[in-house]
Amino acid sequence: MKKILAFAGSNHATSINYQLVEYTASLINDPDHQIEKFKNT
């Protein structure tokens, strides 16, 4: 299986870029995907 790495960088809590990554990941027809959210506090 191939792996896809997608990331979005933003300081905004409702980042449109992060929403796009989440949406795109939801289109992948693989029940074994995961999304990690890293936050610099």
PDB file of N, CA and C in Angstrom:
ATOM      1  N   MET A   1       0.834  -1.172   0.000  1.00  0.00           N
ATOM      2  CA  MET A   1       0.000   0.000   0.000  1.00  0.00           C
ATOM      3  C   MET A   1       0.884   1.243   0.000  1.00  0.00           C
ATOM      4  N   LYS A   2       0.482   2.225  -0.770  1.00  0.00           N
ATOM      5  CA  LYS A   2       1.209   3.495  -0.794  1.00  0.00           C
ATOM      6  C   LYS A   2       0.753   4.354   0.362  1.00  0.00           C
ATOM      7  N   LYS A   3       1.630   5.244   0.775  1.00  0.00           N
ATOM      8  CA  LYS A   3       1.311   6.168   1.859  1.00  0.00           C
ATOM      9  C   LYS A   3       1.252   7.577   1.313  1.00  0.00           C
ATOM     10  N   ILE A   4       0.340   8.341   1.857  1.00  0.00           N
ATOM     11  CA  ILE A   4       0.165   9.732   1.458  1.00  0.00           C
ATOM     12  C   ILE A   4       0.399  10.607   2.683  1.00  0.00           C
ATOM     13  N   LEU A   5       1.220  11.626   2.512  1.00  0.00           N
ATOM     14  CA  LEU A   5       1.464  12.587   3.574  1.00  0.00           C
ATOM     15  C   LEU A   5       0.884  13.924   3.125  1.00  0.00           C
ATOM     16  N   ALA A   6      -0.032  14.445   3.926  1.00  0.00           N
ATOM     17  CA  ALA A   6      -0.624  15.747   3.634  1.00  0.00           C
ATOM     18  C   ALA A   6      -0.559  16.576   4.904  1.00  0.00           C
ATOM     19  N   PHE A   7      -0.227  17.836   4.772  1.00  0.00           N
ATOM     20  CA  PHE A   7      -0.150  18.683   5.952  1.00  0.00           C
ATOM     21  C   PHE A   7      -0.587  20.094   5.609  1.00  0.00           C
ATOM     22  N   ALA A   8      -0.994  20.793   6.638  1.00  0.00           N
ATOM     23  CA  ALA A   8      -1.390  22.189   6.491  1.00  0.00           C
ATOM     24  C   ALA A   8      -0.788  22.969   7.646  1.00  0.00           C
ATOM     25  N   GLY A   9      -0.272  24.112   7.356  1.00  0.00           N
ATOM     26  CA  GLY A   9       0.322  24.944   8.405  1.00  0.00           C
ATOM     27  C   GLY A   9      -0.490  26.213   8.595  1.00  0.00           C
ATOM     28  N   SER A  10      -0.936  26.427   9.824  1.00  0.00           N
ATOM     29  CA  SER A  10      -1.710  27.624  10.129  1.00  0.00           C
ATOM     30  C   SER A  10      -1.782  27.812  11.633  1.00  0.00           C
ATOM     31  N   ASN A  11      -1.902  29.031  12.070  1.00  0.00           N
ATOM     32  CA  ASN A  11      -2.106  29.329  13.483  1.00  0.00           C
ATOM     33  C   ASN A  11      -3.589  29.480  13.818  1.00  0.00           C
ATOM     34  N   HIS A  12      -4.410  29.515  12.804  1.00  0.00           N
ATOM     35  CA  HIS A  12      -5.845  29.749  13.000  1.00  0.00           C
ATOM     36  C   HIS A  12      -6.556  28.450  13.361  1.00  0.00           C
ATOM     37  N   ALA A  13      -7.427  28.496  14.344  1.00  0.00           N
ATOM     38  CA  ALA A  13      -8.119  27.295  14.840  1.00  0.00           C
ATOM     39  C   ALA A  13      -9.031  26.674  13.782  1.00  0.00           C
ATOM     40  N   THR A  14      -9.562  27.482  12.882  1.00  0.00           N
ATOM     41  CA  THR A  14     -10.457  26.953  11.849  1.00  0.00           C
ATOM     42  C   THR A  14      -9.808  27.075  10.470  1.00  0.00           C
ATOM     43  N   SER A  15      -8.591  26.631  10.370  1.00  0.00           N
ATOM     44  CA  SER A  15      -7.816  26.741   9.138  1.00  0.00           C
ATOM     45  C   SER A  15      -8.511  26.046   7.970  1.00  0.00           C
ATOM     46  N   ILE A  16      -8.725  26.771   6.889  1.00  0.00           N
ATOM     47  CA  ILE A  16      -9.323  26.180   5.693  1.00  0.00           C
ATOM     48  C   ILE A  16      -8.381  25.139   5.099  1.00  0.00           C
ATOM     49  N   ASN A  17      -7.085  25.334   5.269  1.00  0.00           N
ATOM     50  CA  ASN A  17      -6.118  24.362   4.755  1.00  0.00           C
ATOM     51  C   ASN A  17      -6.248  23.026   5.483  1.00  0.00           C
ATOM     52  N   TYR A  18      -6.415  23.070   6.793  1.00  0.00           N
ATOM     53  CA  TYR A  18      -6.582  21.836   7.557  1.00  0.00           C
ATOM     54  C   TYR A  18      -7.911  21.175   7.207  1.00  0.00           C
ATOM     55  N   GLN A  19      -8.949  21.963   7.009  1.00  0.00           N
ATOM     56  CA  GLN A  19     -10.242  21.417   6.608  1.00  0.00           C
ATOM     57  C   GLN A  19     -10.134  20.718   5.258  1.00  0.00           C
ATOM     58  N   LEU A  20      -9.344  21.270   4.362  1.00  0.00           N
ATOM     59  CA  LEU A  20      -9.129  20.658   3.057  1.00  0.00           C
ATOM     60  C   LEU A  20      -8.394  19.320   3.196  1.00  0.00           C
ATOM     61  N   VAL A  21      -7.406  19.264   4.077  1.00  0.00           N
ATOM     62  CA  VAL A  21      -6.694  18.003   4.320  1.00  0.00           C
ATOM     63  C   VAL A  21      -7.655  16.958   4.884  1.00  0.00           C
ATOM     64  N   GLU A  22      -8.487  17.344   5.839  1.00  0.00           N
ATOM     65  CA  GLU A  22      -9.459  16.413   6.410  1.00  0.00           C
ATOM     66  C   GLU A  22     -10.442  15.929   5.348  1.00  0.00           C
ATOM     67  N   TYR A  23     -10.924  16.827   4.522  1.00  0.00           N
ATOM     68  CA  TYR A  23     -11.876  16.451   3.478  1.00  0.00           C
ATOM     69  C   TYR A  23     -11.235  15.491   2.479  1.00  0.00           C
ATOM     70  N   THR A  24     -10.028  15.808   2.043  1.00  0.00           N
ATOM     71  CA  THR A  24      -9.334  14.961   1.086  1.00  0.00           C
ATOM     72  C   THR A  24      -9.092  13.573   1.662  1.00  0.00           C
ATOM     73  N   ALA A  25      -8.706  13.511   2.928  1.00  0.00           N
ATOM     74  CA  ALA A  25      -8.493  12.214   3.580  1.00  0.00           C
ATOM     75  C   ALA A  25      -9.794  11.426   3.658  1.00  0.00           C
ATOM     76  N   SER A  26     -10.910  12.115   3.812  1.00  0.00           N
ATOM     77  CA  SER A  26     -12.194  11.409   3.889  1.00  0.00           C
ATOM     78  C   SER A  26     -12.567  10.778   2.551  1.00  0.00           C
ATOM     79  N   LEU A  27     -12.001  11.268   1.468  1.00  0.00           N
ATOM     80  CA  LEU A  27     -12.286  10.713   0.143  1.00  0.00           C
ATOM     81  C   LEU A  27     -11.498   9.434  -0.131  1.00  0.00           C
ATOM     82  N   ILE A  28     -10.444   9.212   0.626  1.00  0.00           N
ATOM     83  CA  ILE A  28      -9.631   8.012   0.444  1.00  0.00           C
ATOM     84  C   ILE A  28     -10.405   6.827   0.999  1.00  0.00           C
ATOM     85  N   ASN A  29     -10.576   5.833   0.163  1.00  0.00           N
ATOM     86  CA  ASN A  29     -11.391   4.686   0.532  1.00  0.00           C
ATOM     87  C   ASN A  29     -10.544   3.635   1.250  1.00  0.00           C
ATOM     88  N   ASP A  30     -10.024   4.019   2.424  1.00  0.00           N
ATOM     89  CA  ASP A  30      -9.188   3.119   3.212  1.00  0.00           C
ATOM     90  C   ASP A  30      -9.534   3.302   4.690  1.00  0.00           C
ATOM     91  N   PRO A  31     -10.066   2.259   5.318  1.00  0.00           N
ATOM     92  CA  PRO A  31     -10.462   2.396   6.727  1.00  0.00           C
ATOM     93  C   PRO A  31      -9.284   2.525   7.687  1.00  0.00           C
ATOM     94  N   ASP A  32      -8.065   2.335   7.188  1.00  0.00           N
ATOM     95  CA  ASP A  32      -6.886   2.348   8.048  1.00  0.00           C
ATOM     96  C   ASP A  32      -6.115   3.667   7.961  1.00  0.00           C
ATOM     97  N   HIS A  33      -6.778   4.761   7.616  1.00  0.00           N
ATOM     98  CA  HIS A  33      -6.070   6.038   7.556  1.00  0.00           C
ATOM     99  C   HIS A  33      -6.193   6.749   8.901  1.00  0.00           C
ATOM    100  N   GLN A  34      -5.256   7.625   9.146  1.00  0.00           N
ATOM    101  CA  GLN A  34      -5.318   8.415  10.375  1.00  0.00           C
ATOM    102  C   GLN A  34      -4.825   9.821  10.088  1.00  0.00           C
ATOM    103  N   ILE A  35      -5.357  10.751  10.840  1.00  0.00           N
ATOM    104  CA  ILE A  35      -4.961  12.156  10.710  1.00  0.00           C
ATOM    105  C   ILE A  35      -4.371  12.578  12.046  1.00  0.00           C
ATOM    106  N   GLU A  36      -3.180  13.124  11.996  1.00  0.00           N
ATOM    107  CA  GLU A  36      -2.507  13.633  13.187  1.00  0.00           C
ATOM    108  C   GLU A  36      -2.525  15.154  13.135  1.00  0.00           C
ATOM    109  N   LYS A  37      -2.848  15.762  14.244  1.00  0.00           N
ATOM    110  CA  LYS A  37      -2.851  17.224  14.318  1.00  0.00           C
ATOM    111  C   LYS A  37      -1.801  17.644  15.340  1.00  0.00           C
ATOM    112  N   PHE A  38      -0.789  18.342  14.868  1.00  0.00           N
ATOM    113  CA  PHE A  38       0.280  18.823  15.746  1.00  0.00           C
ATOM    114  C   PHE A  38       0.064  20.307  15.979  1.00  0.00           C
ATOM    115  N   LYS A  39       0.163  20.717  17.206  1.00  0.00           N
ATOM    116  CA  LYS A  39      -0.092  22.107  17.557  1.00  0.00           C
ATOM    117  C   LYS A  39       1.072  22.634  18.379  1.00  0.00           C
ATOM    118  N   ASN A  40       1.575  23.756  18.007  1.00  0.00           N
ATOM    119  CA  ASN A  40       2.658  24.410  18.730  1.00  0.00           C
ATOM    120  C   ASN A  40       2.047  25.385  19.717  1.00  0.00           C
ATOM    121  N   THR A  41       2.166  25.072  20.994  1.00  0.00           N
ATOM    122  CA  THR A  41       1.532  25.928  22.010  1.00  0.00           C
ATOM    123  C   THR A  41       2.536  26.790  22.723  1.00  0.00           C
TER     124      THR A  41
END
